[in-house]
């Protein structure tokens, strides 16, 4: 199963790490408004980096949305 993570702050990084450790799961991509953070996490977990969450649509089977709510 291909997955993505939207929001790779402190909690989102854990989602990316856990997904990368599950044999049946491919961490396909990560997305964050902080491009440098997204690039770093993508590199750490051998995933693609996206600047817009809409770019993940149709490319993954599931997405974790890990963003703060007001």
C-alpha atoms as a PDB file:
ATOM      1  CA  UNK A   1       0.000   0.000   0.000  1.00  0.00           C
ATOM      2  CA  UNK A   2       1.324   3.459  -0.909  1.00  0.00           C
ATOM      3  CA  UNK A   3       0.841   6.169   1.707  1.00  0.00           C
ATOM      4  CA  UNK A   4       1.580   9.837   2.142  1.00  0.00           C
ATOM      5  CA  UNK A   5       1.913  12.144   5.122  1.00  0.00           C
ATOM      6  CA  UNK A   6       0.621  15.706   5.009  1.00  0.00           C
ATOM      7  CA  UNK A   7       2.295  17.765   7.712  1.00  0.00           C
ATOM      8  CA  UNK A   8       5.686  16.526   8.862  1.00  0.00           C
ATOM      9  CA  UNK A   9       6.196  18.565  12.004  1.00  0.00           C
ATOM     10  CA  UNK A  10       7.064  16.751  15.224  1.00  0.00           C
ATOM     11  CA  UNK A  11       4.070  14.379  15.152  1.00  0.00           C
ATOM     12  CA  UNK A  12       3.999  13.949  11.363  1.00  0.00           C
ATOM     13  CA  UNK A  13       7.629  12.838  11.413  1.00  0.00           C
ATOM     14  CA  UNK A  14       6.579   9.934  13.637  1.00  0.00           C
ATOM     15  CA  UNK A  15       3.881   8.953  11.138  1.00  0.00           C
ATOM     16  CA  UNK A  16       6.506   8.944   8.367  1.00  0.00           C
ATOM     17  CA  UNK A  17       8.931   6.886  10.480  1.00  0.00           C
ATOM     18  CA  UNK A  18       6.314   4.297  11.429  1.00  0.00           C
ATOM     19  CA  UNK A  19       5.069   3.937   7.848  1.00  0.00           C
ATOM     20  CA  UNK A  20       8.645   3.475   6.641  1.00  0.00           C
ATOM     21  CA  UNK A  21       9.078   0.563   9.071  1.00  0.00           C
ATOM     22  CA  UNK A  22       5.991  -1.396   7.988  1.00  0.00           C
ATOM     23  CA  UNK A  23       7.012  -3.960   5.342  1.00  0.00           C
ATOM     24  CA  UNK A  24       3.640  -3.900   3.537  1.00  0.00           C
ATOM     25  CA  UNK A  25       3.656  -0.095   3.259  1.00  0.00           C
ATOM     26  CA  UNK A  26       5.554   2.220   0.925  1.00  0.00           C
ATOM     27  CA  UNK A  27       5.956   5.753   2.228  1.00  0.00           C
ATOM     28  CA  UNK A  28       5.469   7.358  -1.163  1.00  0.00           C
ATOM     29  CA  UNK A  29       5.534  11.037  -0.288  1.00  0.00           C
ATOM     30  CA  UNK A  30       5.429  13.743   2.333  1.00  0.00           C
ATOM     31  CA  UNK A  31       4.048  17.253   2.152  1.00  0.00           C
ATOM     32  CA  UNK A  32       4.550  20.294   4.356  1.00  0.00           C
ATOM     33  CA  UNK A  33       4.233  24.060   3.985  1.00  0.00           C
ATOM     34  CA  UNK A  34       7.855  24.220   5.173  1.00  0.00           C
ATOM     35  CA  UNK A  35       9.601  23.005   2.012  1.00  0.00           C
ATOM     36  CA  UNK A  36      12.974  22.470   3.718  1.00  0.00           C
ATOM     37  CA  UNK A  37      11.378  20.331   6.419  1.00  0.00           C
ATOM     38  CA  UNK A  38       9.522  18.257   3.825  1.00  0.00           C
ATOM     39  CA  UNK A  39      12.737  17.784   1.822  1.00  0.00           C
ATOM     40  CA  UNK A  40      14.620  16.641   4.931  1.00  0.00           C
ATOM     41  CA  UNK A  41      11.968  14.123   5.990  1.00  0.00           C
ATOM     42  CA  UNK A  42      11.541  12.839   2.430  1.00  0.00           C
ATOM     43  CA  UNK A  43      15.290  12.279   2.172  1.00  0.00           C
ATOM     44  CA  UNK A  44      15.450  10.580   5.595  1.00  0.00           C
ATOM     45  CA  UNK A  45      12.750   8.087   4.635  1.00  0.00           C
ATOM     46  CA  UNK A  46      13.451   7.708   0.915  1.00  0.00           C
ATOM     47  CA  UNK A  47      10.160   9.306  -0.129  1.00  0.00           C
ATOM     48  CA  UNK A  48       9.143  12.062  -2.509  1.00  0.00           C
ATOM     49  CA  UNK A  49       8.603  15.621  -1.336  1.00  0.00           C
ATOM     50  CA  UNK A  50       5.522  17.613  -2.305  1.00  0.00           C
ATOM     51  CA  UNK A  51       4.681  21.258  -1.668  1.00  0.00           C
ATOM     52  CA  UNK A  52       0.947  20.830  -2.253  1.00  0.00           C
ATOM     53  CA  UNK A  53      -1.075  18.003  -0.734  1.00  0.00           C
ATOM     54  CA  UNK A  54      -3.191  17.866  -3.898  1.00  0.00           C
ATOM     55  CA  UNK A  55      -0.193  16.386  -5.709  1.00  0.00           C
ATOM     56  CA  UNK A  56      -0.593  13.208  -3.627  1.00  0.00           C
ATOM     57  CA  UNK A  57      -4.184  12.623  -4.751  1.00  0.00           C
ATOM     58  CA  UNK A  58      -4.410   9.650  -7.081  1.00  0.00           C
ATOM     59  CA  UNK A  59      -0.839   8.567  -6.321  1.00  0.00           C
ATOM     60  CA  UNK A  60      -1.405   6.991  -2.897  1.00  0.00           C
ATOM     61  CA  UNK A  61      -3.872   4.613  -1.285  1.00  0.00           C
ATOM     62  CA  UNK A  62      -3.998   6.441   2.057  1.00  0.00           C
ATOM     63  CA  UNK A  63      -2.872   9.716   3.621  1.00  0.00           C
ATOM     64  CA  UNK A  64      -2.183  10.736   7.201  1.00  0.00           C
ATOM     65  CA  UNK A  65      -3.160  14.362   7.689  1.00  0.00           C
ATOM     66  CA  UNK A  66      -1.116  15.564  10.637  1.00  0.00           C
ATOM     67  CA  UNK A  67      -1.711  19.290  10.926  1.00  0.00           C
ATOM     68  CA  UNK A  68      -2.740  21.461  13.866  1.00  0.00           C
ATOM     69  CA  UNK A  69      -6.306  22.659  14.087  1.00  0.00           C
ATOM     70  CA  UNK A  70      -7.268  26.076  15.415  1.00  0.00           C
END
